[in-house]
Amino acid sequence: MASNPTYIWFDGELKKFAEANVPFLNAGLHYGISVFEGIRCYATERGPAIFRLEEHADRLLDSAHILGFRDLPITRAHVVDAIHQAVAANGFAACYI
């Protein structure tokens, strides 16, 4: 299962992977401040199936809140939609998100 992305969701929009650049002084890069959620997408007869995506999105946002990111301009629906768009744009049947 190869899952090298051509497109990623970056800074609120779908972008080509090569065009997504993180500023050097970004707090996540500079201080290691980040949240992480590992999500699996499986190939099925009906197309890609992302395992418990809504629950993963909730945990991701809860983790951000715990770390003090309280005014994020995204919702669960934004996270879910972004992941669906990225999987579709890359044509993945199965991948690790």
C-alpha atoms as a PDB file:
ATOM      1  CA  MET A   1       0.000   0.000   0.000  1.00  0.00           C
ATOM      2  CA  ALA A   2       1.766   3.135  -1.204  1.00  0.00           C
ATOM      3  CA  SER A   3       0.376   6.347   0.179  1.00  0.00           C
ATOM      4  CA  ASN A   4       2.698   9.116  -0.897  1.00  0.00           C
ATOM      5  CA  PRO A   5       0.487  12.181  -1.174  1.00  0.00           C
ATOM      6  CA  THR A   6       0.356  14.448  -4.174  1.00  0.00           C
ATOM      7  CA  TYR A   7      -2.077  16.720  -2.331  1.00  0.00           C
ATOM      8  CA  ILE A   8      -2.385  17.570   1.359  1.00  0.00           C
ATOM      9  CA  TRP A   9      -4.731  19.678   3.435  1.00  0.00           C
ATOM     10  CA  PHE A  10      -2.581  22.612   4.539  1.00  0.00           C
ATOM     11  CA  ASP A  11      -3.495  25.919   6.130  1.00  0.00           C
ATOM     12  CA  GLY A  12      -7.196  25.567   5.371  1.00  0.00           C
ATOM     13  CA  GLU A  13      -7.055  24.324   1.798  1.00  0.00           C
ATOM     14  CA  LEU A  14      -6.041  21.445  -0.419  1.00  0.00           C
ATOM     15  CA  LYS A  15      -2.549  22.123  -1.804  1.00  0.00           C
ATOM     16  CA  LYS A  16       0.041  20.269  -3.826  1.00  0.00           C
ATOM     17  CA  PHE A  17       2.424  18.586  -1.398  1.00  0.00           C
ATOM     18  CA  ALA A  18       5.462  20.323  -2.909  1.00  0.00           C
ATOM     19  CA  GLU A  19       3.865  23.762  -2.385  1.00  0.00           C
ATOM     20  CA  ALA A  20       3.112  23.343   1.334  1.00  0.00           C
ATOM     21  CA  ASN A  21       5.847  25.033   3.362  1.00  0.00           C
ATOM     22  CA  VAL A  22       5.923  25.447   7.134  1.00  0.00           C
ATOM     23  CA  PRO A  23       7.570  28.696   8.318  1.00  0.00           C
ATOM     24  CA  PHE A  24      10.807  28.029  10.212  1.00  0.00           C
ATOM     25  CA  LEU A  25       9.576  29.854  13.337  1.00  0.00           C
ATOM     26  CA  ASN A  26       6.297  27.942  13.484  1.00  0.00           C
ATOM     27  CA  ALA A  27       5.659  26.986  17.142  1.00  0.00           C
ATOM     28  CA  GLY A  28       4.935  23.382  16.200  1.00  0.00           C
ATOM     29  CA  LEU A  29       8.280  23.081  14.465  1.00  0.00           C
ATOM     30  CA  HIS A  30      10.274  25.337  16.802  1.00  0.00           C
ATOM     31  CA  TYR A  31       8.968  24.041  20.144  1.00  0.00           C
ATOM     32  CA  GLY A  32       7.389  20.728  19.194  1.00  0.00           C
ATOM     33  CA  ILE A  33       3.907  21.965  20.107  1.00  0.00           C
ATOM     34  CA  SER A  34       1.447  19.806  18.228  1.00  0.00           C
ATOM     35  CA  VAL A  35      -1.455  17.406  18.393  1.00  0.00           C
ATOM     36  CA  PHE A  36      -1.539  14.096  16.576  1.00  0.00           C
ATOM     37  CA  GLU A  37      -4.181  11.560  15.702  1.00  0.00           C
ATOM     38  CA  GLY A  38      -3.402   8.421  13.696  1.00  0.00           C
ATOM     39  CA  ILE A  39      -6.253   7.442  11.389  1.00  0.00           C
ATOM     40  CA  ARG A  40      -6.573   4.442   9.060  1.00  0.00           C
ATOM     41  CA  CYS A  41      -8.383   4.311   5.761  1.00  0.00           C
ATOM     42  CA  TYR A  42      -9.167   0.846   4.417  1.00  0.00           C
ATOM     43  CA  ALA A  43      -9.934  -0.305   0.883  1.00  0.00           C
ATOM     44  CA  THR A  44     -13.422  -1.778   0.600  1.00  0.00           C
ATOM     45  CA  GLU A  45     -15.634  -2.894  -2.271  1.00  0.00           C
ATOM     46  CA  ARG A  46     -17.515   0.409  -1.924  1.00  0.00           C
ATOM     47  CA  GLY A  47     -14.368   2.532  -1.923  1.00  0.00           C
ATOM     48  CA  PRO A  48     -12.162   3.964   0.839  1.00  0.00           C
ATOM     49  CA  ALA A  49     -13.529   3.579   4.381  1.00  0.00           C
ATOM     50  CA  ILE A  50     -11.997   5.818   7.044  1.00  0.00           C
ATOM     51  CA  PHE A  51     -12.179   4.083  10.418  1.00  0.00           C
ATOM     52  CA  ARG A  52     -14.164   6.067  13.016  1.00  0.00           C
ATOM     53  CA  LEU A  53     -13.282   9.405  11.449  1.00  0.00           C
ATOM     54  CA  GLU A  54     -15.696  11.485  13.535  1.00  0.00           C
ATOM     55  CA  GLU A  55     -14.291  10.072  16.784  1.00  0.00           C
ATOM     56  CA  HIS A  56     -10.740  10.767  15.607  1.00  0.00           C
ATOM     57  CA  ALA A  57     -11.690  14.349  14.677  1.00  0.00           C
ATOM     58  CA  ASP A  58     -13.233  14.874  18.119  1.00  0.00           C
ATOM     59  CA  ARG A  59     -10.086  13.587  19.864  1.00  0.00           C
ATOM     60  CA  LEU A  60      -7.878  15.781  17.684  1.00  0.00           C
ATOM     61  CA  LEU A  61      -9.871  18.897  18.577  1.00  0.00           C
ATOM     62  CA  ASP A  62     -10.063  17.895  22.254  1.00  0.00           C
ATOM     63  CA  SER A  63      -6.264  17.486  22.329  1.00  0.00           C
ATOM     64  CA  ALA A  64      -5.819  20.919  20.757  1.00  0.00           C
ATOM     65  CA  HIS A  65      -8.113  22.423  23.395  1.00  0.00           C
ATOM     66  CA  ILE A  66      -6.159  20.737  26.211  1.00  0.00           C
ATOM     67  CA  LEU A  67      -2.916  22.246  24.861  1.00  0.00           C
ATOM     68  CA  GLY A  68      -4.487  25.695  24.915  1.00  0.00           C
ATOM     69  CA  PHE A  69      -5.577  26.075  21.291  1.00  0.00           C
ATOM     70  CA  ARG A  70      -9.042  27.268  22.294  1.00  0.00           C
ATOM     71  CA  ASP A  71      -9.957  29.577  19.418  1.00  0.00           C
ATOM     72  CA  LEU A  72      -9.304  27.323  16.462  1.00  0.00           C
ATOM     73  CA  PRO A  73     -11.221  28.386  13.352  1.00  0.00           C
ATOM     74  CA  ILE A  74     -12.131  24.766  12.544  1.00  0.00           C
ATOM     75  CA  THR A  75     -14.854  22.363  13.570  1.00  0.00           C
ATOM     76  CA  ARG A  76     -15.290  18.622  13.517  1.00  0.00           C
ATOM     77  CA  ALA A  77     -17.052  19.022  10.156  1.00  0.00           C
ATOM     78  CA  HIS A  78     -14.038  20.918   8.755  1.00  0.00           C
ATOM     79  CA  VAL A  79     -11.634  18.180   9.841  1.00  0.00           C
ATOM     80  CA  VAL A  80     -13.825  15.399   8.450  1.00  0.00           C
ATOM     81  CA  ASP A  81     -14.342  17.217   5.133  1.00  0.00           C
ATOM     82  CA  ALA A  82     -10.626  18.023   4.778  1.00  0.00           C
ATOM     83  CA  ILE A  83      -9.656  14.391   5.315  1.00  0.00           C
ATOM     84  CA  HIS A  84     -12.231  13.147   2.799  1.00  0.00           C
ATOM     85  CA  GLN A  85     -11.001  15.701   0.252  1.00  0.00           C
ATOM     86  CA  ALA A  86      -7.339  14.767   0.745  1.00  0.00           C
ATOM     87  CA  VAL A  87      -8.000  11.025   0.427  1.00  0.00           C
ATOM     88  CA  ALA A  88     -10.101  11.573  -2.720  1.00  0.00           C
ATOM     89  CA  ALA A  89      -7.658  14.046  -4.326  1.00  0.00           C
ATOM     90  CA  ASN A  90      -4.829  11.540  -3.937  1.00  0.00           C
ATOM     91  CA  GLY A  91      -6.913   8.627  -5.227  1.00  0.00           C
ATOM     92  CA  PHE A  92      -6.062   6.502  -2.202  1.00  0.00           C
ATOM     93  CA  ALA A  93      -7.996   3.279  -1.653  1.00  0.00           C
ATOM     94  CA  ALA A  94      -6.152   2.634   1.625  1.00  0.00           C
ATOM     95  CA  CYS A  95      -3.809   4.873   3.589  1.00  0.00           C
ATOM     96  CA  TYR A  96      -2.615   6.052   6.986  1.00  0.00           C
ATOM     97  CA  ILE A  97      -3.772   9.576   7.718  1.00  0.00           C
END
